[in-house]
Amino acid sequence: MASGPSEADEPTFSELDGVRYLHFGTPWVQGGMQINDPPKLIFDYTQQMMAWLLFLDPPRTPLAIGTLGLGAGALARYCLRYTRSQVRAVEWNPRVTAACRAYFKLPPEGPRFSIEHEDAGLWVERPENEGSCRVLMVDLYDAEARGPVRDSLAFYQACRRVVGGDDEAGMITVNLFGEHESFKRNFLRMQEAFRGRVMVLPELDEGNRVVLGFTGPPLEIDSVAFEARADAVTARYDLPAQAWARALSGNIFMTSAKKKVLHF
C-alpha cells in the first residue's frame, strides 16, 4: 500500500452548466455537486450506491452509514440531508477533505458526521470497526481510474465484517466499471467474501456498474412488498428505486405457492 497521497492526488476542479467537478489532475471525474442544490446526487451511479434503501430502512432501523472514499462528498451530503443516520467517511487524502470543505459544501463534523483520514484497506481491518456500520458504500479510485485501488479478497472479507458478518443484516455497495478488466475480478471476490449473496445493477451509460453485497439472516420478501418498498423509497428519497427493483426482481424472485417470493 502507498505510504500517503502523492502529487497525482492533488485535487483540481472544473465547472460546467451549474455543476462543479472534482478531478485529480486528469479528465476523469472523481465527483461533482450541483451548485444550487448540493445534496442532490447528480450521477446515476451515486444514486445506485443508495440502492441499499430497498432493503434497509433508516427511519425504522438505527444504523451507521460508512463511505470509503469521500470524493466530492456527494454520498455524505445526501445521507446527512435525507437520513437520520450517523455517517462515517474514510478518506486517506486530507487534501480531498479540505477541497470538499472549501468548494463542495461538505457539512461540518459533529455528532452525526465524522471523517477519518486513513487508507480504507487498513480501516476495514481494524477490530474496533467490525460491526460498526450497517451500510458501507465503497468508491475507491485514483487519478487514472483504472479500477478500484482496494480490491483484494481480504479487503472484501473485512468489509463484510464491518457491516455485521453473519450476525446482523447489513449491506455493501461498490462502484465498479462493467466493461473494465477489473470488474470480473472484483465481482468474483465479492461473491466469495459475501458467500454468494451478491446482486448486480444494470450497467450505466457511463460504464459504472454497482454491485450489492448482503450479510446477516436470509432475506424473504414477496414481490408485492418489494415493489411497495421501491415506491416508498422513490417518494421519500427522490431516487429511481422502482427502476432498480424492476432490474433486480427479474433475477431474484422465485415462484412459491401462488406468489413470487424472494429467498436470498
Protein backbone atom coordinates (compact mmCIF):
# COMPACT_ATOMS: atom_id res chain seq x y z
CA MET A 1 0.00 0.00 0.00
CA ALA A 2 1.20 3.53 -0.74
CA SER A 3 2.51 5.49 2.21
CA GLY A 4 0.39 8.54 1.50
CA PRO A 5 -1.04 10.85 -1.17
CA SER A 6 1.33 11.98 -3.93
CA GLU A 7 1.30 14.92 -6.32
CA ALA A 8 -1.02 12.86 -8.54
CA ASP A 9 -3.61 13.02 -5.78
CA GLU A 10 -3.79 16.83 -5.71
CA PRO A 11 -7.44 17.94 -6.18
CA THR A 12 -8.28 20.03 -9.24
CA PHE A 13 -11.63 21.48 -10.28
CA SER A 14 -13.84 22.37 -13.19
CA GLU A 15 -17.35 23.81 -13.64
CA LEU A 16 -19.92 23.38 -16.40
CA ASP A 17 -23.64 24.20 -16.57
CA GLY A 18 -24.01 24.80 -12.83
CA VAL A 19 -22.07 21.67 -11.78
CA ARG A 20 -18.70 21.73 -10.02
CA TYR A 21 -16.44 18.72 -10.58
CA LEU A 22 -13.53 17.23 -8.67
CA HIS A 23 -10.53 15.77 -10.52
CA PHE A 24 -7.02 14.63 -9.65
CA GLY A 25 -5.24 16.46 -12.47
CA THR A 26 -6.81 14.28 -15.20
CA PRO A 27 -10.07 14.45 -17.19
CA TRP A 28 -11.51 11.65 -15.01
CA VAL A 29 -14.27 12.99 -12.77
CA GLN A 30 -13.91 11.94 -9.13
CA GLY A 31 -17.15 13.58 -8.01
CA GLY A 32 -19.42 16.53 -8.52
CA MET A 33 -22.01 18.83 -6.99
CA GLN A 34 -24.91 20.81 -8.39
CA ILE A 35 -24.03 24.24 -7.07
CA ASN A 36 -27.61 25.36 -6.42
CA ASP A 37 -28.64 22.03 -4.83
CA PRO A 38 -25.61 20.49 -3.04
CA PRO A 39 -27.34 17.39 -1.54
CA LYS A 40 -28.65 16.23 -4.92
CA LEU A 41 -27.00 13.12 -6.36
CA ILE A 42 -26.23 14.21 -9.91
CA PHE A 43 -24.63 11.00 -11.20
CA ASP A 44 -26.65 7.86 -11.86
CA TYR A 45 -24.02 5.67 -10.21
CA THR A 46 -24.10 7.65 -6.95
CA GLN A 47 -27.87 7.20 -6.94
CA GLN A 48 -27.40 3.45 -7.41
CA MET A 49 -24.97 3.39 -4.48
CA MET A 50 -28.05 4.17 -2.38
CA ALA A 51 -29.87 1.03 -3.58
CA TRP A 52 -29.44 -0.46 -0.10
CA LEU A 53 -32.51 1.63 0.80
CA LEU A 54 -34.60 -1.06 -0.93
CA PHE A 55 -33.63 -3.47 1.87
CA LEU A 56 -32.80 -1.35 4.94
CA ASP A 57 -34.96 1.43 6.35
CA PRO A 58 -33.01 4.14 8.27
CA PRO A 59 -36.05 5.73 9.98
CA ARG A 60 -37.05 2.39 11.49
CA THR A 61 -33.66 0.74 11.91
CA PRO A 62 -30.90 2.70 13.67
CA LEU A 63 -27.78 2.32 11.58
CA ALA A 64 -24.45 3.92 10.84
CA ILE A 65 -23.50 4.52 7.23
CA GLY A 66 -19.88 4.28 6.13
CA THR A 67 -18.39 5.69 2.94
CA LEU A 68 -14.96 4.52 1.78
CA GLY A 69 -13.65 7.29 -0.41
CA LEU A 70 -15.02 10.80 0.10
CA GLY A 71 -14.83 12.03 -3.49
CA ALA A 72 -16.67 15.34 -3.70
CA GLY A 73 -18.70 14.42 -0.62
CA ALA A 74 -21.89 13.60 -2.55
CA LEU A 75 -22.94 10.48 -0.64
CA ALA A 76 -22.10 12.06 2.73
CA ARG A 77 -24.08 15.21 1.91
CA TYR A 78 -27.04 13.16 0.70
CA CYS A 79 -27.16 10.80 3.68
CA LEU A 80 -26.87 13.66 6.17
CA ARG A 81 -29.68 15.51 4.42
CA TYR A 82 -32.10 12.62 3.82
CA THR A 83 -31.50 10.21 6.71
CA ARG A 84 -31.10 10.48 10.47
CA SER A 85 -28.17 8.08 10.46
CA GLN A 86 -24.63 8.64 11.59
CA VAL A 87 -22.24 8.96 8.66
CA ARG A 88 -18.59 7.87 8.84
CA ALA A 89 -16.39 8.88 5.92
CA VAL A 90 -12.98 7.27 5.40
CA GLU A 91 -10.65 9.27 3.14
CA TRP A 92 -6.91 8.78 3.00
CA ASN A 93 -6.12 12.19 1.44
CA PRO A 94 -6.63 15.21 3.75
CA ARG A 95 -6.37 17.47 0.70
CA VAL A 96 -9.59 15.95 -0.64
CA THR A 97 -11.33 16.70 2.64
CA ALA A 98 -10.05 20.29 2.56
CA ALA A 99 -11.27 20.68 -1.03
CA CYS A 100 -14.71 19.32 -0.08
CA ARG A 101 -14.95 21.83 2.76
CA ALA A 102 -13.83 24.76 0.61
CA TYR A 103 -15.59 24.02 -2.69
CA PHE A 104 -18.22 21.30 -2.18
CA LYS A 105 -20.18 22.44 0.88
CA LEU A 106 -19.21 19.46 3.00
CA PRO A 107 -21.13 19.66 6.31
CA PRO A 108 -19.02 20.18 9.44
CA GLU A 109 -18.15 17.22 11.59
CA GLY A 110 -20.33 16.70 14.63
CA PRO A 111 -22.43 14.09 16.47
CA ARG A 112 -23.73 12.63 13.18
CA PHE A 113 -20.72 13.05 10.91
CA SER A 114 -17.07 12.10 11.20
CA ILE A 115 -14.15 11.86 8.79
CA GLU A 116 -11.25 9.50 9.38
CA HIS A 117 -8.07 10.03 7.36
CA GLU A 118 -6.79 6.54 6.76
CA ASP A 119 -6.27 4.02 3.99
CA ALA A 120 -9.61 2.23 3.57
CA GLY A 121 -7.82 -1.11 3.39
CA LEU A 122 -6.38 -0.56 6.85
CA TRP A 123 -9.57 0.92 8.29
CA VAL A 124 -11.74 -2.10 7.46
CA GLU A 125 -9.17 -4.42 9.07
CA ARG A 126 -9.28 -2.69 12.45
CA PRO A 127 -11.07 -4.87 15.05
CA GLU A 128 -12.84 -1.86 16.53
CA ASN A 129 -14.60 -1.28 13.20
CA GLU A 130 -16.16 -4.75 13.00
CA GLY A 131 -19.93 -4.38 13.06
CA SER A 132 -19.61 -0.59 13.24
CA CYS A 133 -21.72 0.17 10.13
CA ARG A 134 -24.87 -1.42 8.77
CA VAL A 135 -24.12 0.04 5.34
CA LEU A 136 -20.79 0.54 3.59
CA MET A 137 -20.53 2.39 0.25
CA VAL A 138 -17.21 1.80 -1.49
CA ASP A 139 -15.91 4.12 -4.21
CA LEU A 140 -12.11 3.93 -4.28
CA TYR A 141 -10.41 5.25 -7.42
CA ASP A 142 -7.16 7.11 -8.07
CA ALA A 143 -6.30 9.71 -10.71
CA GLU A 144 -6.14 7.14 -13.53
CA ALA A 145 -9.43 5.39 -12.59
CA ARG A 146 -8.17 2.04 -13.89
CA GLY A 147 -10.15 0.10 -11.31
CA PRO A 148 -10.67 0.19 -7.55
CA VAL A 149 -7.44 0.75 -5.64
CA ARG A 150 -8.56 -1.74 -2.97
CA ASP A 151 -9.97 -4.93 -4.45
CA SER A 152 -8.46 -7.97 -2.74
CA LEU A 153 -10.49 -10.85 -1.33
CA ALA A 154 -9.17 -9.92 2.13
CA PHE A 155 -10.46 -6.37 1.64
CA TYR A 156 -13.99 -7.52 0.78
CA GLN A 157 -13.97 -10.03 3.63
CA ALA A 158 -13.06 -7.21 6.01
CA CYS A 159 -15.85 -5.06 4.53
CA ARG A 160 -18.24 -7.89 5.31
CA ARG A 161 -17.14 -7.89 8.94
CA VAL A 162 -17.67 -4.11 9.15
CA VAL A 163 -21.34 -4.47 8.14
CA GLY A 164 -22.12 -7.29 10.52
CA GLY A 165 -20.96 -10.63 9.15
CA ASP A 166 -23.34 -13.49 9.99
CA ASP A 167 -24.98 -11.86 12.97
CA GLU A 168 -26.71 -8.76 11.65
CA ALA A 169 -28.34 -7.62 8.42
CA GLY A 170 -26.00 -5.28 6.61
CA MET A 171 -25.11 -4.24 3.08
CA ILE A 172 -22.22 -3.04 0.97
CA THR A 173 -22.48 -1.23 -2.37
CA VAL A 174 -19.42 -0.99 -4.61
CA ASN A 175 -18.86 1.18 -7.66
CA LEU A 176 -17.20 -0.84 -10.46
CA PHE A 177 -16.67 -0.41 -14.21
CA GLY A 178 -18.69 -3.02 -16.06
CA GLU A 179 -16.58 -3.26 -19.23
CA HIS A 180 -13.25 -2.92 -17.42
CA GLU A 181 -10.97 -5.90 -16.84
CA SER A 182 -11.24 -5.26 -13.10
CA PHE A 183 -14.98 -6.00 -12.99
CA LYS A 184 -14.86 -9.78 -13.13
CA ARG A 185 -12.04 -9.93 -10.58
CA ASN A 186 -13.90 -7.74 -8.11
CA PHE A 187 -17.23 -9.44 -8.69
CA LEU A 188 -15.81 -12.92 -8.08
CA ARG A 189 -14.04 -11.76 -4.93
CA MET A 190 -17.24 -10.16 -3.65
CA GLN A 191 -19.09 -13.40 -4.43
CA GLU A 192 -16.64 -15.33 -2.31
CA ALA A 193 -16.45 -12.79 0.51
CA PHE A 194 -20.25 -12.48 0.76
CA ARG A 195 -20.84 -16.22 0.21
CA GLY A 196 -22.82 -15.81 -2.96
CA ARG A 197 -25.17 -13.15 -1.58
CA VAL A 198 -24.39 -10.57 -4.27
CA MET A 199 -26.63 -8.71 -6.72
CA VAL A 200 -25.65 -6.50 -9.66
CA LEU A 201 -27.50 -3.50 -11.03
CA PRO A 202 -27.52 -2.86 -14.79
CA GLU A 203 -24.50 -1.14 -16.29
CA LEU A 204 -24.97 2.59 -16.81
CA ASP A 205 -24.20 4.58 -19.93
CA GLU A 206 -21.07 5.96 -18.26
CA GLY A 207 -19.79 2.39 -17.75
CA ASN A 208 -20.34 2.22 -13.99
CA ARG A 209 -21.86 -0.94 -12.53
CA VAL A 210 -22.87 -1.09 -8.87
CA VAL A 211 -22.67 -4.41 -7.00
CA LEU A 212 -24.62 -5.09 -3.79
CA GLY A 213 -23.42 -7.49 -1.10
CA PHE A 214 -25.56 -8.77 1.80
CA THR A 215 -24.86 -10.08 5.30
CA GLY A 216 -26.95 -11.44 8.15
CA PRO A 217 -30.02 -13.69 8.21
CA PRO A 218 -31.57 -14.80 4.89
CA LEU A 219 -33.97 -12.38 3.25
CA GLU A 220 -37.53 -13.38 2.49
CA ILE A 221 -39.92 -10.87 0.93
CA ASP A 222 -42.70 -11.19 -1.64
CA SER A 223 -42.61 -9.25 -4.86
CA VAL A 224 -45.63 -7.08 -3.95
CA ALA A 225 -43.96 -5.88 -0.76
CA PHE A 226 -40.71 -5.31 -2.68
CA GLU A 227 -42.49 -3.13 -5.23
CA ALA A 228 -44.21 -1.21 -2.42
CA ARG A 229 -40.85 -0.62 -0.78
CA ALA A 230 -39.48 0.72 -4.06
CA ASP A 231 -42.42 3.10 -4.34
CA ALA A 232 -41.76 4.35 -0.80
CA VAL A 233 -38.05 4.89 -1.48
CA THR A 234 -38.84 6.77 -4.69
CA ALA A 235 -41.29 9.05 -2.90
CA ARG A 236 -39.19 9.70 0.22
CA TYR A 237 -35.71 9.92 -1.23
CA ASP A 238 -36.30 11.14 -4.81
CA LEU A 239 -34.39 8.18 -6.24
CA PRO A 240 -35.29 5.86 -9.16
CA ALA A 241 -35.86 2.90 -6.85
CA GLN A 242 -38.67 1.49 -8.96
CA ALA A 243 -36.24 1.00 -11.85
CA TRP A 244 -33.78 -0.72 -9.51
CA ALA A 245 -36.49 -3.04 -8.21
CA ARG A 246 -37.57 -3.99 -11.74
CA ALA A 247 -33.97 -4.69 -12.71
CA LEU A 248 -33.35 -6.88 -9.68
CA SER A 249 -36.68 -8.68 -9.46
CA GLY A 250 -36.30 -10.47 -12.78
CA ASN A 251 -33.42 -12.47 -11.36
CA ILE A 252 -34.09 -12.80 -7.63
CA PHE A 253 -37.72 -13.84 -7.27
CA MET A 254 -38.75 -17.47 -7.29
CA THR A 255 -42.36 -18.64 -7.52
CA SER A 256 -43.56 -20.04 -4.20
CA ALA A 257 -47.16 -21.28 -3.94
CA LYS A 258 -49.23 -18.60 -5.72
CA LYS A 259 -46.89 -15.64 -5.31
CA LYS A 260 -43.36 -14.65 -6.07
CA VAL A 261 -41.11 -14.62 -3.02
CA LEU A 262 -37.52 -13.51 -2.67
CA HIS A 263 -35.31 -16.01 -0.84
CA PHE A 264 -31.77 -14.66 -0.67
